[in-house]
Protein backbone atom coordinates (compact mmCIF):
# COMPACT_ATOMS: atom_id res chain seq x y z
CA MET A 1 101.63 96.31 74.05
CA ILE A 2 98.07 96.80 72.82
CA ILE A 3 96.90 93.72 74.76
CA SER A 4 98.38 95.10 78.02
CA VAL A 5 96.54 98.40 77.59
CA MET A 6 93.24 96.62 76.98
CA ILE A 7 93.62 94.49 80.12
CA ILE A 8 94.32 97.55 82.25
CA LEU A 9 91.24 99.32 80.87
CA LEU A 10 89.04 96.29 81.52
CA LEU A 11 90.27 95.95 85.09
CA PHE A 12 89.66 99.62 85.75
CA SER A 13 86.13 99.55 84.35
CA CYS A 14 85.20 96.48 86.41
CA ALA A 15 86.50 97.98 89.65
CA ASN A 16 84.61 101.27 89.31
CA LYS A 17 80.98 100.35 89.91
CA GLY A 18 79.83 103.59 91.50
CA GLU A 19 78.28 104.02 94.91
CA ALA A 20 76.02 101.40 96.50
CA PRO A 21 72.55 102.52 97.62
CA TYR A 22 71.84 102.84 101.34
CA ILE A 23 68.51 102.18 103.08
CA SER A 24 68.26 104.42 106.13
CA ASN A 25 64.73 103.69 107.31
CA VAL A 26 61.64 101.56 106.76
CA VAL A 27 58.33 102.36 108.41
CA ILE A 28 55.03 100.50 108.21
CA THR A 29 51.95 102.56 109.05
CA ASP A 30 48.22 102.03 109.33
CA ILE A 31 45.70 103.86 107.14
CA PHE A 32 45.96 106.89 109.46
CA ASP A 33 49.75 107.07 108.88
CA VAL A 34 50.52 105.92 112.44
CA PRO A 35 53.63 103.68 112.63
CA ILE A 36 52.77 100.10 113.60
CA ASN A 37 54.61 96.83 114.21
CA SER A 38 51.56 94.54 114.11
CA ALA A 39 48.35 94.20 112.13
CA SER A 40 45.46 91.81 111.62
CA ILE A 41 44.77 89.71 108.55
CA GLY A 42 42.82 91.89 106.10
CA ASP A 43 44.28 95.20 107.33
CA THR A 44 45.66 97.68 104.80
CA VAL A 45 49.15 98.98 105.60
CA TYR A 46 51.55 101.44 104.00
CA CYS A 47 55.27 100.78 103.77
CA TYR A 48 57.72 103.70 103.39
CA ILE A 49 61.33 102.94 102.43
CA THR A 50 63.86 105.78 102.73
CA ALA A 51 66.95 105.19 100.62
CA GLU A 52 69.75 107.18 99.05
CA ASP A 53 72.17 106.64 96.20
CA GLU A 54 74.78 109.16 95.10
CA ASP A 55 74.55 107.79 91.55
CA LYS A 56 70.75 108.27 91.45
CA ASP A 57 70.29 104.91 89.73
CA MET A 58 68.36 102.67 92.15
CA THR A 59 66.50 100.13 90.02
CA ILE A 60 65.29 97.11 92.02
CA LEU A 61 63.79 96.70 95.48
CA ASN A 62 64.01 93.17 96.88
CA ILE A 63 61.71 92.23 99.74
CA LYS A 64 62.14 88.93 101.57
CA GLN A 65 59.57 87.87 104.16
CA TYR A 66 60.29 85.29 106.84
CA LEU A 67 57.83 83.63 109.22
CA ASN A 68 59.63 82.18 112.25
CA ASN A 69 62.93 82.34 110.28
CA THR A 70 61.50 80.39 107.30
CA LEU A 71 61.61 82.23 103.96
CA MET A 72 57.99 82.66 102.81
CA SER A 73 58.38 85.22 100.01
CA ASN A 74 61.19 86.69 97.88
CA ASN A 75 60.09 89.37 95.41
CA ASP A 76 61.82 91.97 93.23
CA TYR A 77 60.07 95.22 92.35
CA ALA A 78 61.17 97.70 89.68
CA LEU A 79 61.73 101.17 91.13
CA PRO A 80 60.77 104.32 89.25
CA ALA A 81 63.59 106.48 87.87
CA THR A 82 64.76 109.18 90.25
CA THR A 83 66.64 112.43 89.86
CA VAL A 84 67.46 112.95 93.54
CA VAL A 85 69.99 111.32 95.86
CA LYS A 86 67.55 110.65 98.73
CA GLU A 87 64.18 109.13 97.89
CA ILE A 88 61.19 107.72 99.75
CA PHE A 89 59.50 104.81 98.03
CA TYR A 90 56.18 103.50 99.26
CA THR A 91 53.77 100.68 98.66
CA ILE A 92 50.34 99.70 99.91
CA ALA A 93 49.69 96.14 101.05
CA THR A 94 46.88 94.08 102.53
CA ILE A 95 47.94 91.75 105.33
CA GLN A 96 47.28 88.17 104.22
CA GLY A 97 48.97 86.19 106.98
CA PRO A 98 49.42 83.63 108.29
CA THR A 99 49.53 84.87 111.85
CA GLY A 100 52.84 84.90 113.66
CA ASN A 101 56.12 86.76 114.00
CA TRP A 102 57.55 87.97 110.70
CA ARG A 103 60.88 89.47 109.70
CA ILE A 104 60.92 91.54 106.53
CA ASP A 105 64.24 92.28 104.78
CA PHE A 106 64.59 95.14 102.31
CA GLN A 107 67.49 95.56 99.87
CA ILE A 108 67.98 97.82 96.84
CA THR A 109 70.16 97.15 93.81
CA ASP A 110 71.32 99.93 91.50
CA ALA A 111 71.95 99.92 87.73
CA GLU A 112 75.60 98.88 88.23
CA GLY A 113 74.62 95.86 90.32
CA ASN A 114 75.64 97.38 93.67
CA ASP A 115 73.53 96.05 96.56
CA SER A 116 72.50 98.22 99.48
CA ASN A 117 72.59 97.21 103.10
CA ILE A 118 69.82 94.86 104.20
CA TYR A 119 67.32 96.72 106.36
CA SER A 120 65.23 94.36 108.53
CA ILE A 121 62.07 94.99 110.51
CA ASN A 122 60.04 92.70 112.73
CA PHE A 123 56.28 92.60 112.28
CA THR A 124 53.54 90.57 113.95
CA VAL A 125 50.40 89.37 112.19
CA VAL A 126 47.55 88.71 114.61
């Protein structure tokens, strides 16, 4: 009887992983905070990621970058702790190229291992 109770408790704890984060918007802007979808090599850009998580435990931002559908970069970034459900994270980047049509995928993982939706944007480097 003790073994049965332990199995039930383990199954319950594995099934309850909280709420998955949700990315609602990603915007890339120039230095004047104007949204853009293209930039030149050497330009500085700002990337704003709007996400929410009912559990307030978003921990990792994964960014994958594809050039003509070929994976060029796959990086994880630690997110700062948050005390609010909806948060805007941002980063500053310098466009390095190469030139071409890029797709950038954003995904957030929370402390329980729940993955958000993948939010994709298209961006051209000229």
